[in-house]
N, C-alpha and C. Protein backbone atom coordinates (compact mmCIF):
# COMPACT_ATOMS: atom_id res chain seq x y z
N MET A 1 23.16 224.66 90.06
CA MET A 1 23.92 224.75 90.95
C MET A 1 25.36 223.74 90.87
N ASP A 2 25.15 222.80 90.22
CA ASP A 2 26.11 221.53 90.30
C ASP A 2 27.13 222.01 88.68
N ILE A 3 26.31 222.81 87.88
CA ILE A 3 27.21 223.12 87.04
C ILE A 3 28.22 224.34 87.66
N LYS A 4 28.03 225.14 88.20
CA LYS A 4 28.64 225.86 88.96
C LYS A 4 30.16 225.19 89.84
N ILE A 5 29.53 224.53 90.56
CA ILE A 5 30.55 223.50 91.37
C ILE A 5 31.61 222.94 90.35
N THR A 6 31.02 222.49 89.34
CA THR A 6 31.92 221.64 88.44
C THR A 6 32.75 222.66 87.75
N MET A 7 32.25 223.51 87.42
CA MET A 7 33.00 224.60 86.49
C MET A 7 34.18 225.17 87.42
N ARG A 8 33.71 225.34 88.60
CA ARG A 8 34.88 225.77 89.54
C ARG A 8 35.95 224.73 89.73
N GLU A 9 35.49 223.61 90.07
CA GLU A 9 36.58 222.33 89.98
C GLU A 9 37.51 222.33 89.20
N ILE A 10 36.73 222.71 87.72
CA ILE A 10 37.62 222.20 86.47
C ILE A 10 38.68 223.29 86.53
N PHE A 11 38.32 224.93 86.80
CA PHE A 11 39.13 226.09 86.77
C PHE A 11 39.97 225.79 87.94
N ASP A 12 39.75 225.31 89.07
CA ASP A 12 40.84 225.03 89.96
C ASP A 12 41.85 224.12 89.83
N LYS A 13 41.52 222.99 89.19
CA LYS A 13 42.41 222.10 88.57
C LYS A 13 43.46 222.54 87.50
N GLY A 14 42.53 223.24 86.68
CA GLY A 14 43.44 224.00 85.83
C GLY A 14 44.41 224.95 86.15
N LEU A 15 44.14 225.75 87.15
CA LEU A 15 45.16 226.62 87.71
C LEU A 15 46.18 225.67 88.31
N ASP A 16 45.89 225.07 89.24
CA ASP A 16 46.94 223.92 89.85
C ASP A 16 47.76 223.60 89.00
N LEU A 17 47.35 222.91 87.63
CA LEU A 17 48.24 222.42 86.83
C LEU A 17 49.08 223.24 86.10
N SER A 18 48.66 224.82 86.04
CA SER A 18 49.36 225.58 85.17
C SER A 18 50.21 226.13 86.19
N LYS A 19 50.12 225.97 87.32
CA LYS A 19 51.10 226.51 88.43
C LYS A 19 52.30 225.53 88.52
N LYS A 20 51.87 224.19 88.61
CA LYS A 20 52.69 223.17 88.25
C LYS A 20 53.67 223.24 87.24
N THR A 21 53.16 223.36 86.02
CA THR A 21 54.02 223.41 84.79
C THR A 21 54.82 224.59 84.73
N TYR A 22 54.40 225.69 85.03
CA TYR A 22 55.20 227.00 85.55
C TYR A 22 56.40 226.39 86.19
N GLU A 23 56.33 226.17 87.74
CA GLU A 23 57.50 225.47 88.44
C GLU A 23 58.57 224.74 87.74
N LYS A 24 58.03 223.81 86.91
CA LYS A 24 58.85 223.10 86.20
C LYS A 24 59.58 223.50 85.26
N ALA A 25 58.95 224.18 84.28
CA ALA A 25 59.84 225.10 83.23
C ALA A 25 60.44 225.95 84.00
N LYS A 26 60.07 226.67 85.18
CA LYS A 26 61.49 227.41 85.83
C LYS A 26 62.64 226.76 86.19
N GLU A 27 62.02 225.46 86.84
CA GLU A 27 63.45 224.76 87.27
C GLU A 27 64.20 224.04 86.07
N PHE A 28 63.67 223.59 84.94
CA PHE A 28 64.47 223.23 83.81
C PHE A 28 65.25 224.35 83.20
N GLY A 29 64.64 225.64 83.46
CA GLY A 29 65.19 227.11 82.83
C GLY A 29 66.50 227.05 83.53
N GLU A 30 66.64 227.17 85.03
CA GLU A 30 67.47 227.17 85.92
C GLU A 30 68.55 226.13 85.58
N MET A 31 68.29 224.98 85.46
CA MET A 31 69.22 223.80 85.24
C MET A 31 69.75 224.23 84.11
N GLY A 32 69.31 224.55 82.84
CA GLY A 32 69.78 225.06 81.44
C GLY A 32 70.89 226.45 81.59
N ILE A 33 70.35 227.05 82.49
CA ILE A 33 71.39 228.37 82.57
C ILE A 33 72.82 227.79 83.28
N THR A 34 72.58 227.13 84.21
CA THR A 34 73.65 226.36 85.05
C THR A 34 74.58 225.43 84.03
N GLN A 35 74.03 224.81 83.18
CA GLN A 35 74.68 223.95 82.11
C GLN A 35 75.30 224.80 81.20
N VAL A 36 75.01 226.10 80.79
CA VAL A 36 75.53 226.96 80.06
C VAL A 36 76.82 227.51 80.73
N GLU A 37 76.55 227.92 81.96
CA GLU A 37 77.67 228.59 82.70
C GLU A 37 78.80 227.60 82.98
N ILE A 38 78.34 226.25 82.92
CA ILE A 38 79.58 225.43 83.13
C ILE A 38 80.33 225.24 82.02
N VAL A 39 79.47 224.89 80.74
CA VAL A 39 80.28 225.00 79.19
C VAL A 39 80.92 226.39 79.17
N THR A 40 80.48 227.34 79.49
CA THR A 40 81.09 228.68 79.25
C THR A 40 82.64 228.52 80.01
N MET A 41 82.42 228.07 81.33
CA MET A 41 83.95 228.27 82.19
C MET A 41 84.91 226.95 81.59
N GLN A 42 84.16 225.89 80.94
CA GLN A 42 85.09 225.05 80.60
C GLN A 42 85.89 225.44 79.24
N HIS A 43 85.34 226.42 78.48
CA HIS A 43 85.74 227.07 77.20
C HIS A 43 86.91 228.04 77.60
N LYS A 44 86.49 228.63 78.74
CA LYS A 44 87.52 229.82 79.31
C LYS A 44 88.74 228.67 79.63
N MET A 45 88.57 227.89 80.51
CA MET A 45 89.56 227.28 81.10
C MET A 45 90.46 226.58 79.81
N ALA A 46 89.94 226.16 78.94
CA ALA A 46 90.71 225.25 77.62
C ALA A 46 91.47 226.52 77.09
N LYS A 47 90.90 227.92 76.93
CA LYS A 47 91.68 229.05 76.42
C LYS A 47 92.93 229.31 77.20
N GLU A 48 92.81 228.95 78.59
CA GLU A 48 94.01 229.62 79.55
C GLU A 48 94.75 228.29 79.28
N ILE A 49 94.45 227.27 79.19
CA ILE A 49 95.63 225.81 79.12
C ILE A 49 96.08 226.16 77.72
N GLY A 50 95.48 226.63 76.53
CA GLY A 50 95.91 226.83 75.48
C GLY A 50 97.04 227.99 75.46
N LYS A 51 96.80 229.00 76.42
CA LYS A 51 97.93 230.06 76.48
C LYS A 51 99.20 229.42 77.51
N LEU A 52 99.03 228.43 78.34
CA LEU A 52 100.09 228.20 79.11
C LEU A 52 100.80 226.91 78.34
N GLY A 53 100.12 226.25 77.19
CA GLY A 53 100.82 225.49 76.27
C GLY A 53 101.64 226.48 75.29
N THR A 54 101.16 227.46 74.98
CA THR A 54 102.08 228.48 74.01
C THR A 54 103.16 228.67 74.78
N ILE A 55 103.07 229.19 75.82
CA ILE A 55 104.24 229.60 76.77
C ILE A 55 105.32 228.41 76.91
N ALA A 56 104.71 227.25 77.04
CA ALA A 56 105.70 226.08 77.38
C ALA A 56 106.30 225.68 75.83
N TYR A 57 105.62 225.73 74.68
CA TYR A 57 106.04 225.58 73.29
C TYR A 57 107.23 226.82 73.01
N ARG A 58 106.86 228.11 73.41
CA ARG A 58 107.89 228.96 73.12
C ARG A 58 109.30 228.32 73.83
N HIS A 59 109.09 228.29 75.07
CA HIS A 59 109.97 227.94 76.05
C HIS A 59 110.83 226.80 75.26
N PHE A 60 110.49 225.98 75.04
CA PHE A 60 110.80 224.78 74.54
C PHE A 60 111.70 224.71 73.12
N SER A 61 110.81 225.49 72.34
CA SER A 61 111.64 225.80 70.99
C SER A 61 112.83 226.50 71.11
N LYS A 62 113.16 227.47 72.28
CA LYS A 62 114.12 228.36 72.33
C LYS A 62 115.20 227.67 73.40
N GLU A 63 114.63 227.12 74.33
CA GLU A 63 115.77 226.66 75.31
C GLU A 63 115.77 225.07 75.40
N LYS A 64 116.71 224.72 76.17
CA LYS A 64 116.68 223.17 76.09
C LYS A 64 116.67 222.89 77.79
N THR A 65 116.26 223.73 78.52
CA THR A 65 115.94 223.60 79.84
C THR A 65 114.43 223.47 80.18
N SER A 66 114.15 222.63 81.39
CA SER A 66 113.17 222.39 81.71
C SER A 66 112.27 224.04 82.06
N LEU A 67 111.04 223.90 81.66
CA LEU A 67 109.98 225.10 82.09
C LEU A 67 109.90 225.35 83.83
N LYS A 68 110.17 226.12 84.29
CA LYS A 68 109.82 226.30 85.66
C LYS A 68 108.49 226.79 86.05
N LYS A 69 107.81 226.28 86.96
CA LYS A 69 106.67 226.82 87.46
C LYS A 69 106.44 228.25 87.72
N ASP A 70 107.65 228.77 88.05
CA ASP A 70 107.48 230.36 88.35
C ASP A 70 108.00 231.05 87.25
N ALA A 71 108.52 230.52 85.93
CA ALA A 71 108.62 231.17 84.69
C ALA A 71 107.61 232.25 84.39
N ARG A 72 107.91 233.27 83.82
CA ARG A 72 107.08 234.54 83.48
C ARG A 72 105.72 234.20 82.89
N GLY A 73 104.67 234.45 83.58
CA GLY A 73 103.09 234.02 83.09
C GLY A 73 102.55 232.65 83.58
N VAL A 74 103.57 231.79 83.89
CA VAL A 74 102.87 230.53 84.20
C VAL A 74 102.22 230.62 85.35
N PRO A 75 102.81 231.22 86.87
CA PRO A 75 101.94 231.16 87.86
C PRO A 75 100.62 231.69 87.74
N THR A 76 100.41 232.75 87.19
CA THR A 76 99.01 233.32 86.98
C THR A 76 98.06 232.61 86.16
N LEU A 77 98.76 231.92 85.00
CA LEU A 77 97.84 230.83 84.26
C LEU A 77 97.47 229.76 85.19
N VAL A 78 98.31 229.13 85.88
CA VAL A 78 97.88 228.16 86.82
C VAL A 78 97.22 228.41 87.73
N LYS A 79 97.01 229.45 88.32
CA LYS A 79 96.23 229.82 89.34
C LYS A 79 94.90 229.96 88.64
N LYS A 80 94.82 230.83 87.42
CA LYS A 80 93.32 231.08 86.91
C LYS A 80 93.00 229.63 86.29
N ILE A 81 93.55 228.94 85.97
CA ILE A 81 93.06 227.27 85.48
C ILE A 81 92.44 226.97 86.85
N TYR A 82 93.27 226.96 87.70
CA TYR A 82 92.66 226.29 89.02
C TYR A 82 91.32 226.84 89.63
N ASN A 83 91.57 228.31 89.36
CA ASN A 83 90.02 229.01 89.75
C ASN A 83 88.97 228.58 89.32
N ILE A 84 89.24 228.61 87.82
CA ILE A 84 88.00 228.04 86.93
C ILE A 84 87.54 226.73 87.00
N GLU A 85 88.68 225.70 87.36
CA GLU A 85 88.29 224.37 87.64
C GLU A 85 87.38 224.49 89.11
N GLN A 86 87.68 225.05 89.79
CA GLN A 86 87.37 224.98 91.08
C GLN A 86 85.54 225.46 90.98
N LYS A 87 85.48 226.70 90.04
CA LYS A 87 84.09 227.25 89.92
C LYS A 87 83.11 226.14 88.98
N ILE A 88 84.16 225.41 88.30
CA ILE A 88 83.42 224.47 87.46
C ILE A 88 82.62 223.25 88.54
N LYS A 89 83.48 223.16 89.32
CA LYS A 89 82.92 221.85 90.19
C LYS A 89 81.90 222.38 91.07
N LEU A 90 81.67 223.62 91.50
CA LEU A 90 80.81 223.95 92.34
C LEU A 90 79.76 224.15 91.54
N LYS A 91 79.82 224.55 90.38
CA LYS A 91 78.45 224.65 89.43
C LYS A 91 77.85 223.22 89.06
N GLU A 92 78.78 222.33 88.86
CA GLU A 92 78.36 220.92 88.64
C GLU A 92 77.91 220.35 89.81
N ASN A 93 78.19 220.75 91.17
CA ASN A 93 77.51 220.17 92.29
C ASN A 93 76.13 220.94 92.40
N GLU A 94 76.23 222.12 92.10
CA GLU A 94 74.77 222.94 92.04
C GLU A 94 73.60 222.24 91.25
N LEU A 95 74.32 221.67 90.36
CA LEU A 95 73.31 221.15 88.93
C LEU A 95 72.93 219.88 89.49
N LYS A 96 73.73 219.22 90.15
CA LYS A 96 73.33 217.68 90.83
C LYS A 96 72.15 217.91 91.65
N LYS A 97 72.26 218.97 92.49
CA LYS A 97 71.47 219.06 93.60
C LYS A 97 70.10 219.53 92.94
N LYS A 98 70.05 220.57 91.82
CA LYS A 98 68.85 220.74 91.23
C LYS A 98 68.47 219.64 90.43
N LYS A 99 69.13 218.67 89.92
CA LYS A 99 68.58 217.71 89.26
C LYS A 99 67.92 216.54 90.39
N ALA A 100 68.70 216.36 91.57
CA ALA A 100 67.94 215.58 92.56
C ALA A 100 66.81 216.22 93.15
N GLY A 101 66.64 217.34 93.10
CA GLY A 101 65.49 218.10 93.90
C GLY A 101 64.36 218.01 92.74
N LYS A 102 64.31 217.75 91.82
CA LYS A 102 63.16 217.64 90.59
C LYS A 102 62.28 216.38 90.81
C-alpha cells in the first residue's frame, strides 16, 4: 500500500509541475507575441516617417518656402504616425503588466 501512495504522490507532483511549466511557457509566449507586435508597429511607423521625409525632401528641393502642415499628404501621414505611436504605447504598457504579473 505504501508504494501505491508514494507513486500517486509522485504522479500528482509531476502533474502539478507540468501544469506550472505549461502556464509559464504560455506566459512567455504571450510576451513574445506582444514584443513582435511592438517591433512590427515600430517598423510600420518608421516607414510612414520615411514617407513624410520624402514629401519634405521633394518640397524643399523644388520650393524655397516652408512645408506647411496642411500640405498634400502631410496630415494623413502625421495622423497615421500618431496612431501607430499610441498603439505602440498601449502594447508597451500591456507588456509591462505581463512582466509585472509573472
